[in-house]
Amino acid sequence: MARRVQRQVGVSVSDYLLEFFEDPGGDQPVRRWLKEELSPTKRRALGYAMSEVLQRIGVSVCGTELGRQLGQGLFEFRLRANPGAISSGRGRSPPEEAVLLRVFCHAHGDRAILLLGGYDKGEHPSRERQSREIARARARLADWRARRRRRG
């Protein structure tokens, strides 16, 4: 099912737990996207933003410029950063390239966030691409819900 993302430094009891959606065949689309499609700079920037923002405030990102409710249990985590705008404070250099990423999520249970999909909006800015990615995330959410219902 969903695999949990653990923070290396430790997760406080108030943090949200981030989980990767896993399809029936064992594929984790968001994990694959992070590893295979994002540059190291974008992967670091998103990892930092997810651990420092999404994992800390969860669905409340929708009350900020970093999130937007999409309806039917789906929300979008938005990351936009120009080179030099993000620094982890852990001795890492800031991004060398602009970052414009979207991650589609679902909040569930007691402070858990299911990561359903993601894409690089900077590389693919069209509304058509965004619509396709949202539809794909909705389909994954429907699949996840159906499998949970069957398990009881």
C-alpha atoms as a PDB file:
ATOM      1  CA  MET A   1       0.000   0.000   0.000  1.00  0.00           C
ATOM      2  CA  ALA A   2       1.483   3.354   0.958  1.00  0.00           C
ATOM      3  CA  ARG A   3       5.022   3.445   2.247  1.00  0.00           C
ATOM      4  CA  ARG A   4       5.955   5.962   4.874  1.00  0.00           C
ATOM      5  CA  VAL A   5       8.563   8.680   4.451  1.00  0.00           C
ATOM      6  CA  GLN A   6      10.633   9.021   7.613  1.00  0.00           C
ATOM      7  CA  ARG A   7      12.611  12.159   8.367  1.00  0.00           C
ATOM      8  CA  GLN A   8      16.248  11.410   9.149  1.00  0.00           C
ATOM      9  CA  VAL A   9      16.377  13.932  11.974  1.00  0.00           C
ATOM     10  CA  GLY A  10      13.249  12.540  13.643  1.00  0.00           C
ATOM     11  CA  VAL A  11       9.557  13.241  13.373  1.00  0.00           C
ATOM     12  CA  SER A  12       7.877  15.200  16.127  1.00  0.00           C
ATOM     13  CA  VAL A  13       4.475  14.000  17.262  1.00  0.00           C
ATOM     14  CA  SER A  14       2.847  17.018  15.641  1.00  0.00           C
ATOM     15  CA  ASP A  15       4.359  16.420  12.190  1.00  0.00           C
ATOM     16  CA  TYR A  16       2.316  14.948   9.369  1.00  0.00           C
ATOM     17  CA  LEU A  17       3.367  11.572   8.082  1.00  0.00           C
ATOM     18  CA  LEU A  18       4.081  11.584   4.335  1.00  0.00           C
ATOM     19  CA  GLU A  19       3.158   8.398   2.458  1.00  0.00           C
ATOM     20  CA  PHE A  20       3.798   7.430  -1.145  1.00  0.00           C
ATOM     21  CA  PHE A  21       0.803   6.098  -3.089  1.00  0.00           C
ATOM     22  CA  GLU A  22       1.574   2.582  -4.281  1.00  0.00           C
ATOM     23  CA  ASP A  23      -0.405   0.956  -7.090  1.00  0.00           C
ATOM     24  CA  PRO A  24      -1.404  -2.738  -7.032  1.00  0.00           C
ATOM     25  CA  GLY A  25       1.749  -3.606  -8.995  1.00  0.00           C
ATOM     26  CA  GLY A  26       4.019  -1.999  -6.397  1.00  0.00           C
ATOM     27  CA  ASP A  27       4.877   1.152  -8.374  1.00  0.00           C
ATOM     28  CA  GLN A  28       5.184   4.350  -6.372  1.00  0.00           C
ATOM     29  CA  PRO A  29       4.736   7.069  -9.016  1.00  0.00           C
ATOM     30  CA  VAL A  30       5.826  10.008  -6.870  1.00  0.00           C
ATOM     31  CA  ARG A  31       8.942   8.217  -5.608  1.00  0.00           C
ATOM     32  CA  ARG A  32       9.812   7.224  -9.199  1.00  0.00           C
ATOM     33  CA  TRP A  33       9.247  10.826 -10.407  1.00  0.00           C
ATOM     34  CA  LEU A  34      11.496  12.181  -7.660  1.00  0.00           C
ATOM     35  CA  LYS A  35      14.295   9.723  -8.389  1.00  0.00           C
ATOM     36  CA  GLU A  36      14.136   9.489 -12.178  1.00  0.00           C
ATOM     37  CA  GLU A  37      12.776  12.738 -13.547  1.00  0.00           C
ATOM     38  CA  LEU A  38      13.891  15.572 -11.280  1.00  0.00           C
ATOM     39  CA  SER A  39      17.347  17.094 -11.357  1.00  0.00           C
ATOM     40  CA  PRO A  40      19.329  16.817  -8.122  1.00  0.00           C
ATOM     41  CA  THR A  41      18.706  20.531  -7.506  1.00  0.00           C
ATOM     42  CA  LYS A  42      14.942  20.194  -7.864  1.00  0.00           C
ATOM     43  CA  ARG A  43      14.886  16.973  -5.832  1.00  0.00           C
ATOM     44  CA  ARG A  44      16.764  18.676  -2.963  1.00  0.00           C
ATOM     45  CA  ALA A  45      14.546  21.762  -3.075  1.00  0.00           C
ATOM     46  CA  LEU A  46      11.357  19.695  -3.040  1.00  0.00           C
ATOM     47  CA  GLY A  47      12.631  17.359  -0.332  1.00  0.00           C
ATOM     48  CA  TYR A  48      13.491  20.321   1.845  1.00  0.00           C
ATOM     49  CA  ALA A  49      10.119  22.018   1.223  1.00  0.00           C
ATOM     50  CA  MET A  50       8.213  18.820   1.909  1.00  0.00           C
ATOM     51  CA  SER A  51      10.028  18.173   5.192  1.00  0.00           C
ATOM     52  CA  GLU A  52       9.996  21.772   6.393  1.00  0.00           C
ATOM     53  CA  VAL A  53       6.536  22.826   5.179  1.00  0.00           C
ATOM     54  CA  LEU A  54       4.243  20.009   4.030  1.00  0.00           C
ATOM     55  CA  GLN A  55       5.250  17.592   6.763  1.00  0.00           C
ATOM     56  CA  ARG A  56       4.860  20.296   9.394  1.00  0.00           C
ATOM     57  CA  ILE A  57       1.578  21.990   8.417  1.00  0.00           C
ATOM     58  CA  GLY A  58      -0.045  19.401   6.135  1.00  0.00           C
ATOM     59  CA  VAL A  59      -3.225  20.444   4.385  1.00  0.00           C
ATOM     60  CA  SER A  60      -2.956  23.888   5.990  1.00  0.00           C
ATOM     61  CA  VAL A  61      -0.604  24.773   3.124  1.00  0.00           C
ATOM     62  CA  CYS A  62      -3.865  25.495   1.287  1.00  0.00           C
ATOM     63  CA  GLY A  63      -4.171  28.659   3.351  1.00  0.00           C
ATOM     64  CA  THR A  64      -0.891  29.887   1.864  1.00  0.00           C
ATOM     65  CA  GLU A  65       0.638  30.491  -1.556  1.00  0.00           C
ATOM     66  CA  LEU A  66       2.145  26.985  -1.291  1.00  0.00           C
ATOM     67  CA  GLY A  67      -1.126  25.104  -1.599  1.00  0.00           C
ATOM     68  CA  ARG A  68      -4.504  24.968  -3.238  1.00  0.00           C
ATOM     69  CA  GLN A  69      -7.593  22.823  -2.617  1.00  0.00           C
ATOM     70  CA  LEU A  70      -8.643  20.982  -5.784  1.00  0.00           C
ATOM     71  CA  GLY A  71     -11.810  19.406  -4.364  1.00  0.00           C
ATOM     72  CA  GLN A  72     -12.886  15.815  -3.757  1.00  0.00           C
ATOM     73  CA  GLY A  73     -10.150  15.291  -1.171  1.00  0.00           C
ATOM     74  CA  LEU A  74      -7.293  16.401  -3.398  1.00  0.00           C
ATOM     75  CA  PHE A  75      -4.950  19.319  -2.804  1.00  0.00           C
ATOM     76  CA  GLU A  76      -1.868  20.649  -4.520  1.00  0.00           C
ATOM     77  CA  PHE A  77       1.470  21.457  -2.865  1.00  0.00           C
ATOM     78  CA  ARG A  78       3.243  24.154  -4.893  1.00  0.00           C
ATOM     79  CA  LEU A  79       6.922  24.902  -4.903  1.00  0.00           C
ATOM     80  CA  ARG A  80       8.284  27.916  -6.733  1.00  0.00           C
ATOM     81  CA  ALA A  81      11.823  29.086  -6.148  1.00  0.00           C
ATOM     82  CA  ASN A  82      14.333  31.099  -8.095  1.00  0.00           C
ATOM     83  CA  PRO A  83      18.010  30.237  -7.897  1.00  0.00           C
ATOM     84  CA  GLY A  84      19.301  31.200  -4.477  1.00  0.00           C
ATOM     85  CA  ALA A  85      15.844  31.363  -2.885  1.00  0.00           C
ATOM     86  CA  ILE A  86      15.989  28.098  -0.945  1.00  0.00           C
ATOM     87  CA  SER A  87      18.677  27.052   1.461  1.00  0.00           C
ATOM     88  CA  SER A  88      18.279  24.091   3.731  1.00  0.00           C
ATOM     89  CA  GLY A  89      20.356  25.586   6.503  1.00  0.00           C
ATOM     90  CA  ARG A  90      22.228  22.275   6.570  1.00  0.00           C
ATOM     91  CA  GLY A  91      25.296  23.451   4.706  1.00  0.00           C
ATOM     92  CA  ARG A  92      23.808  22.841   1.261  1.00  0.00           C
ATOM     93  CA  SER A  93      24.002  25.331  -1.543  1.00  0.00           C
ATOM     94  CA  PRO A  94      20.816  26.999  -2.797  1.00  0.00           C
ATOM     95  CA  PRO A  95      19.321  25.823  -6.112  1.00  0.00           C
ATOM     96  CA  GLU A  96      21.225  26.715  -9.266  1.00  0.00           C
ATOM     97  CA  GLU A  97      18.078  26.537 -11.394  1.00  0.00           C
ATOM     98  CA  ALA A  98      14.516  27.815 -11.126  1.00  0.00           C
ATOM     99  CA  VAL A  99      12.095  25.384  -9.485  1.00  0.00           C
ATOM    100  CA  LEU A 100       8.366  25.216 -10.282  1.00  0.00           C
ATOM    101  CA  LEU A 101       6.932  21.895  -9.083  1.00  0.00           C
ATOM    102  CA  ARG A 102       3.515  20.523  -8.171  1.00  0.00           C
ATOM    103  CA  VAL A 103       2.715  17.570  -5.900  1.00  0.00           C
ATOM    104  CA  PHE A 104      -0.855  16.286  -5.611  1.00  0.00           C
ATOM    105  CA  CYS A 105      -1.843  15.065  -2.158  1.00  0.00           C
ATOM    106  CA  HIS A 106      -4.659  13.709  -0.007  1.00  0.00           C
ATOM    107  CA  ALA A 107      -4.891  14.228   3.763  1.00  0.00           C
ATOM    108  CA  HIS A 108      -6.250  11.246   5.685  1.00  0.00           C
ATOM    109  CA  GLY A 109      -6.302   9.569   9.063  1.00  0.00           C
ATOM    110  CA  ASP A 110      -4.537  11.131  11.977  1.00  0.00           C
ATOM    111  CA  ARG A 111      -2.133  13.604  10.346  1.00  0.00           C
ATOM    112  CA  ALA A 112      -1.146  11.626   7.245  1.00  0.00           C
ATOM    113  CA  ILE A 113      -0.567  12.957   3.713  1.00  0.00           C
ATOM    114  CA  LEU A 114      -0.760  10.586   0.746  1.00  0.00           C
ATOM    115  CA  LEU A 115       1.470  11.690  -2.159  1.00  0.00           C
ATOM    116  CA  LEU A 116      -0.467  10.843  -5.335  1.00  0.00           C
ATOM    117  CA  GLY A 117       1.334  12.557  -8.186  1.00  0.00           C
ATOM    118  CA  GLY A 118       3.734  15.257  -9.167  1.00  0.00           C
ATOM    119  CA  TYR A 119       5.136  17.062 -12.148  1.00  0.00           C
ATOM    120  CA  ASP A 120       7.519  19.812 -13.162  1.00  0.00           C
ATOM    121  CA  LYS A 121       5.307  22.720 -14.132  1.00  0.00           C
ATOM    122  CA  GLY A 122       8.337  24.732 -15.213  1.00  0.00           C
ATOM    123  CA  GLU A 123       9.108  22.085 -17.842  1.00  0.00           C
ATOM    124  CA  HIS A 124       5.435  21.492 -18.749  1.00  0.00           C
ATOM    125  CA  PRO A 125       3.460  24.728 -18.113  1.00  0.00           C
ATOM    126  CA  SER A 126       0.353  24.056 -20.221  1.00  0.00           C
ATOM    127  CA  ARG A 127      -3.116  23.910 -18.684  1.00  0.00           C
ATOM    128  CA  GLU A 128      -3.689  20.656 -20.572  1.00  0.00           C
ATOM    129  CA  ARG A 129      -0.752  19.023 -18.804  1.00  0.00           C
ATOM    130  CA  GLN A 130      -1.969  20.271 -15.435  1.00  0.00           C
ATOM    131  CA  SER A 131      -5.461  18.892 -16.151  1.00  0.00           C
ATOM    132  CA  ARG A 132      -4.002  15.499 -17.121  1.00  0.00           C
ATOM    133  CA  GLU A 133      -1.888  15.355 -13.956  1.00  0.00           C
ATOM    134  CA  ILE A 134      -4.843  16.273 -11.733  1.00  0.00           C
ATOM    135  CA  ALA A 135      -7.011  13.629 -13.451  1.00  0.00           C
ATOM    136  CA  ARG A 136      -4.251  11.042 -12.913  1.00  0.00           C
ATOM    137  CA  ALA A 137      -4.012  11.986  -9.214  1.00  0.00           C
ATOM    138  CA  ARG A 138      -7.803  11.739  -8.852  1.00  0.00           C
ATOM    139  CA  ALA A 139      -7.767   8.269 -10.442  1.00  0.00           C
ATOM    140  CA  ARG A 140      -5.023   7.149  -8.036  1.00  0.00           C
ATOM    141  CA  LEU A 141      -6.993   8.522  -5.096  1.00  0.00           C
ATOM    142  CA  ALA A 142     -10.114   6.651  -6.245  1.00  0.00           C
ATOM    143  CA  ASP A 143      -8.051   3.455  -6.569  1.00  0.00           C
ATOM    144  CA  TRP A 144      -6.524   3.940  -3.112  1.00  0.00           C
ATOM    145  CA  ARG A 145      -9.953   4.549  -1.557  1.00  0.00           C
ATOM    146  CA  ALA A 146     -11.476   1.493  -3.287  1.00  0.00           C
ATOM    147  CA  ARG A 147      -8.679  -0.777  -2.059  1.00  0.00           C
ATOM    148  CA  ARG A 148      -9.037   0.579   1.485  1.00  0.00           C
ATOM    149  CA  ARG A 149     -12.803  -0.103   1.415  1.00  0.00           C
ATOM    150  CA  ARG A 150     -12.225  -3.675   0.228  1.00  0.00           C
ATOM    151  CA  ARG A 151      -9.786  -4.295   3.067  1.00  0.00           C
ATOM    152  CA  GLY A 152     -12.447  -3.052   5.477  1.00  0.00           C
END
